Each structure stands twice: as structure tokens, then as C-alpha cells.
């Protein structure tokens, strides 16, 4: 199957899209910027925070009071740790 051909090319373990209800998107972005001051930031579509071996994007929904998180890390354990860390900041 095609999935077996693609598997060796996968560099990261993905979180999938995770929705969180928030009252203030700007406050969420400020917390994330403050917590990761040494990251590279991009604001093309929401806020993307990049490190050499992992990254995440948080963007606001246009129709609901939600932000959507997508995160990738080198392996499932690192992804789960980073996902939980970022979600705590988002939902904090």
C-alpha cells in the first residue's frame, strides 16, 4: 500500500488537530510566545512555533470560540509530552 511507501519519509509523529475552547485567543498567543521565547515564530495562519526538532501551530476558528492545535515531534513519546505542555498553556 501507499502508506508503507510513505512511512520511511515521515520525519515526525503528528498530534492531529486538537480543539480547545478559549475566551481570549490573543491571551493564548501571548502565553505561548512568553513560554517559548527562543522559538522561531510565524503568523501566516495563526501562530506557528518552531524548534529544530519539533513545532506546533495554533489557529483560531473562524466560526467557533476555539483554537486548533497541530503539533509534530520526532517520536510519539516526545509528541505526547510536548502536546500536553502546549495544551496546558492553551487551556491555562
N, C-alpha and C. Protein backbone atom coordinates (compact mmCIF):
# COMPACT_ATOMS: atom_id res chain seq x y z
N UNK A 1 0.82 -1.21 0.00
CA UNK A 1 0.00 0.00 0.00
C UNK A 1 0.86 1.27 0.00
N UNK A 2 0.25 2.33 -0.43
CA UNK A 2 0.93 3.62 -0.48
C UNK A 2 1.46 4.04 0.89
N UNK A 3 0.72 3.76 1.94
CA UNK A 3 1.16 4.14 3.29
C UNK A 3 2.50 3.50 3.65
N UNK A 4 2.76 2.29 3.20
CA UNK A 4 4.03 1.64 3.50
C UNK A 4 5.17 2.28 2.72
N UNK A 5 4.89 2.83 1.55
CA UNK A 5 5.91 3.53 0.77
C UNK A 5 6.25 4.88 1.38
N UNK A 6 5.28 5.52 1.96
CA UNK A 6 5.46 6.85 2.55
C UNK A 6 6.11 6.78 3.93
N UNK A 7 5.89 5.71 4.66
CA UNK A 7 6.34 5.60 6.05
C UNK A 7 7.81 5.97 6.25
N UNK A 8 8.75 5.52 5.43
CA UNK A 8 10.16 5.90 5.65
C UNK A 8 10.42 7.40 5.49
N UNK A 9 9.52 8.11 4.86
CA UNK A 9 9.68 9.55 4.64
C UNK A 9 9.14 10.38 5.81
N UNK A 10 8.37 9.78 6.67
CA UNK A 10 7.80 10.51 7.81
C UNK A 10 8.89 10.86 8.81
N UNK A 11 9.05 12.16 9.07
CA UNK A 11 10.07 12.62 10.00
C UNK A 11 9.51 12.85 11.39
N UNK A 12 8.20 13.04 11.50
CA UNK A 12 7.61 13.45 12.77
C UNK A 12 6.40 12.60 13.13
N UNK A 13 6.11 12.56 14.43
CA UNK A 13 4.87 11.96 14.91
C UNK A 13 3.86 13.10 15.09
N UNK A 14 2.72 13.04 14.42
CA UNK A 14 1.74 14.14 14.49
C UNK A 14 0.74 13.98 15.62
N UNK A 15 0.28 15.10 16.14
CA UNK A 15 -0.76 15.08 17.17
C UNK A 15 -2.15 14.95 16.57
N UNK A 16 -2.30 15.32 15.32
CA UNK A 16 -3.64 15.50 14.78
C UNK A 16 -4.18 16.83 15.29
N UNK A 17 -5.30 17.27 14.76
CA UNK A 17 -5.86 18.56 15.17
C UNK A 17 -6.63 18.40 16.48
N UNK A 18 -6.30 19.26 17.45
CA UNK A 18 -6.92 19.21 18.77
C UNK A 18 -7.58 20.56 19.04
N UNK A 19 -8.88 20.55 19.28
CA UNK A 19 -9.62 21.78 19.53
C UNK A 19 -9.71 22.06 21.03
N UNK A 20 -9.60 23.36 21.36
CA UNK A 20 -9.75 23.80 22.76
C UNK A 20 -10.60 25.06 22.78
N UNK A 21 -11.61 25.09 23.65
CA UNK A 21 -12.40 26.31 23.83
C UNK A 21 -11.58 27.33 24.60
N UNK A 22 -11.56 28.56 24.12
CA UNK A 22 -10.84 29.63 24.80
C UNK A 22 -11.67 30.90 24.76
N UNK A 23 -11.49 31.75 25.76
CA UNK A 23 -12.21 33.02 25.80
C UNK A 23 -11.44 34.12 25.08
N UNK A 24 -10.10 34.04 25.08
CA UNK A 24 -9.28 35.13 24.54
C UNK A 24 -8.10 34.56 23.75
N UNK A 25 -8.23 34.55 22.44
CA UNK A 25 -7.19 33.99 21.57
C UNK A 25 -5.89 34.76 21.73
N UNK A 26 -5.96 36.08 21.81
CA UNK A 26 -4.75 36.90 21.95
C UNK A 26 -3.99 36.55 23.22
N UNK A 27 -4.70 36.27 24.30
CA UNK A 27 -4.05 35.89 25.56
C UNK A 27 -3.35 34.53 25.40
N UNK A 28 -3.96 33.62 24.67
CA UNK A 28 -3.34 32.31 24.41
C UNK A 28 -2.04 32.51 23.65
N UNK A 29 -2.08 33.31 22.58
CA UNK A 29 -0.88 33.55 21.78
C UNK A 29 0.20 34.22 22.63
N UNK A 30 -0.18 35.14 23.50
CA UNK A 30 0.80 35.81 24.37
C UNK A 30 1.45 34.82 25.33
N UNK A 31 0.66 33.91 25.90
CA UNK A 31 1.22 32.88 26.80
C UNK A 31 2.22 31.99 26.06
N UNK A 32 1.86 31.60 24.84
CA UNK A 32 2.74 30.74 24.07
C UNK A 32 4.04 31.45 23.70
N UNK A 33 3.94 32.70 23.27
CA UNK A 33 5.15 33.47 22.94
C UNK A 33 6.04 33.63 24.16
N UNK A 34 5.44 33.88 25.30
CA UNK A 34 6.19 34.08 26.54
C UNK A 34 6.88 32.80 27.00
N UNK A 35 6.19 31.68 26.84
CA UNK A 35 6.74 30.39 27.30
C UNK A 35 7.85 29.85 26.40
N UNK A 36 7.81 30.23 25.13
CA UNK A 36 8.80 29.73 24.16
C UNK A 36 9.56 30.91 23.53
N UNK A 37 10.26 31.71 24.33
CA UNK A 37 10.88 32.93 23.80
C UNK A 37 12.01 32.69 22.79
N UNK A 38 12.61 31.51 22.82
CA UNK A 38 13.72 31.23 21.92
C UNK A 38 13.30 30.51 20.64
N UNK A 39 12.00 30.37 20.42
CA UNK A 39 11.49 29.70 19.22
C UNK A 39 11.45 30.68 18.04
N UNK A 40 11.28 30.11 16.88
CA UNK A 40 11.02 30.90 15.67
C UNK A 40 9.51 30.99 15.52
N UNK A 41 8.98 32.18 15.35
CA UNK A 41 7.54 32.39 15.23
C UNK A 41 7.16 32.81 13.82
N UNK A 42 6.04 32.27 13.36
CA UNK A 42 5.45 32.66 12.09
C UNK A 42 3.97 32.89 12.34
N UNK A 43 3.41 33.94 11.73
CA UNK A 43 1.99 34.24 11.93
C UNK A 43 1.22 34.23 10.61
N UNK A 44 1.59 33.37 9.70
CA UNK A 44 0.90 33.28 8.43
C UNK A 44 -0.54 32.79 8.60
N UNK A 45 -0.72 31.74 9.39
CA UNK A 45 -2.06 31.20 9.67
C UNK A 45 -2.08 30.85 11.15
N UNK A 46 -2.49 31.78 11.98
CA UNK A 46 -2.43 31.58 13.43
C UNK A 46 -1.01 31.84 13.90
N UNK A 47 -0.56 31.07 14.85
CA UNK A 47 0.79 31.19 15.39
C UNK A 47 1.50 29.86 15.25
N UNK A 48 2.60 29.86 14.52
CA UNK A 48 3.44 28.67 14.40
C UNK A 48 4.69 28.89 15.22
N UNK A 49 5.02 27.92 16.05
CA UNK A 49 6.19 27.98 16.92
C UNK A 49 7.11 26.83 16.49
N UNK A 50 8.34 27.18 16.10
CA UNK A 50 9.24 26.17 15.54
C UNK A 50 10.54 26.06 16.32
N UNK A 51 10.93 24.82 16.52
CA UNK A 51 12.24 24.46 17.06
C UNK A 51 12.88 23.50 16.05
N UNK A 52 14.19 23.24 16.17
CA UNK A 52 14.84 22.37 15.19
C UNK A 52 14.23 20.97 15.09
N UNK A 53 13.71 20.43 16.20
CA UNK A 53 13.21 19.05 16.16
C UNK A 53 11.73 18.89 16.47
N UNK A 54 11.00 20.00 16.65
CA UNK A 54 9.55 19.91 16.84
C UNK A 54 8.92 21.25 16.53
N UNK A 55 7.62 21.26 16.31
CA UNK A 55 6.92 22.51 16.00
C UNK A 55 5.44 22.34 16.33
N UNK A 56 4.74 23.48 16.42
CA UNK A 56 3.29 23.44 16.54
C UNK A 56 2.68 24.69 15.94
N UNK A 57 1.40 24.57 15.59
CA UNK A 57 0.62 25.69 15.08
C UNK A 57 -0.67 25.75 15.86
N UNK A 58 -1.04 26.96 16.27
CA UNK A 58 -2.31 27.20 16.93
C UNK A 58 -3.03 28.27 16.13
N UNK A 59 -4.24 27.97 15.73
CA UNK A 59 -5.00 28.96 14.98
C UNK A 59 -6.43 29.02 15.50
N UNK A 60 -7.00 30.21 15.39
CA UNK A 60 -8.36 30.43 15.87
C UNK A 60 -9.35 29.94 14.83
N UNK A 61 -10.45 29.38 15.30
CA UNK A 61 -11.55 29.02 14.42
C UNK A 61 -12.25 30.30 13.99
N UNK A 62 -12.72 30.32 12.76
CA UNK A 62 -13.48 31.48 12.27
C UNK A 62 -14.95 31.42 12.67
N UNK A 63 -15.42 30.26 13.13
CA UNK A 63 -16.85 30.09 13.37
C UNK A 63 -17.20 29.69 14.81
N UNK A 64 -16.19 29.34 15.61
CA UNK A 64 -16.44 28.89 16.98
C UNK A 64 -15.40 29.50 17.91
N UNK A 65 -15.69 29.55 19.23
CA UNK A 65 -14.71 30.09 20.18
C UNK A 65 -13.64 29.05 20.53
N UNK A 66 -12.91 28.62 19.50
CA UNK A 66 -11.92 27.54 19.64
C UNK A 66 -10.58 27.97 19.06
N UNK A 67 -9.53 27.35 19.56
CA UNK A 67 -8.26 27.34 18.85
C UNK A 67 -7.97 25.90 18.50
N UNK A 68 -7.24 25.72 17.41
CA UNK A 68 -6.92 24.38 16.91
C UNK A 68 -5.40 24.20 16.96
N UNK A 69 -4.97 23.16 17.63
CA UNK A 69 -3.55 22.84 17.77
C UNK A 69 -3.18 21.69 16.86
N UNK A 70 -2.08 21.85 16.15
CA UNK A 70 -1.42 20.77 15.41
C UNK A 70 0.04 20.81 15.82
N UNK A 71 0.58 19.66 16.20
CA UNK A 71 1.95 19.59 16.71
C UNK A 71 2.62 18.36 16.14
N UNK A 72 3.91 18.48 15.86
CA UNK A 72 4.69 17.33 15.42
C UNK A 72 6.01 17.32 16.16
N UNK A 73 6.46 16.12 16.53
CA UNK A 73 7.73 15.92 17.23
C UNK A 73 8.37 14.65 16.66
N UNK A 74 9.63 14.40 17.00
CA UNK A 74 10.36 13.29 16.37
C UNK A 74 9.78 11.89 16.62
N UNK A 75 9.09 11.70 17.73
CA UNK A 75 8.54 10.37 18.03
C UNK A 75 7.28 10.55 18.88
N UNK A 76 6.56 9.47 19.08
CA UNK A 76 5.27 9.53 19.78
C UNK A 76 5.41 10.01 21.23
N UNK A 77 6.45 9.58 21.92
CA UNK A 77 6.64 9.99 23.32
C UNK A 77 6.92 11.49 23.41
N UNK A 78 7.79 11.99 22.56
CA UNK A 78 8.09 13.43 22.56
C UNK A 78 6.86 14.23 22.16
N UNK A 79 6.12 13.73 21.17
CA UNK A 79 4.91 14.41 20.75
C UNK A 79 3.92 14.51 21.89
N UNK A 80 3.69 13.42 22.62
CA UNK A 80 2.73 13.43 23.73
C UNK A 80 3.16 14.40 24.83
N UNK A 81 4.44 14.42 25.15
CA UNK A 81 4.93 15.34 26.17
C UNK A 81 4.73 16.79 25.75
N UNK A 82 5.14 17.13 24.53
CA UNK A 82 5.00 18.50 24.03
C UNK A 82 3.53 18.88 23.86
N UNK A 83 2.72 17.96 23.37
CA UNK A 83 1.28 18.21 23.20
C UNK A 83 0.65 18.59 24.53
N UNK A 84 0.95 17.82 25.57
CA UNK A 84 0.36 18.08 26.88
C UNK A 84 0.85 19.42 27.44
N UNK A 85 2.11 19.73 27.22
CA UNK A 85 2.68 21.00 27.68
C UNK A 85 1.99 22.18 27.00
N UNK A 86 1.84 22.10 25.68
CA UNK A 86 1.21 23.19 24.92
C UNK A 86 -0.27 23.30 25.26
N UNK A 87 -0.96 22.17 25.38
CA UNK A 87 -2.37 22.22 25.76
C UNK A 87 -2.59 22.87 27.13
N UNK A 88 -1.68 22.59 28.08
CA UNK A 88 -1.80 23.22 29.40
C UNK A 88 -1.68 24.74 29.28
N UNK A 89 -0.83 25.22 28.41
CA UNK A 89 -0.69 26.66 28.20
C UNK A 89 -1.92 27.24 27.50
N UNK A 90 -2.42 26.52 26.52
CA UNK A 90 -3.61 26.99 25.80
C UNK A 90 -4.81 27.06 26.73
N UNK A 91 -4.99 26.04 27.53
CA UNK A 91 -6.19 25.95 28.36
C UNK A 91 -6.03 26.63 29.71
N UNK A 92 -4.79 27.09 30.01
CA UNK A 92 -4.47 27.70 31.29
C UNK A 92 -5.24 28.90 31.59
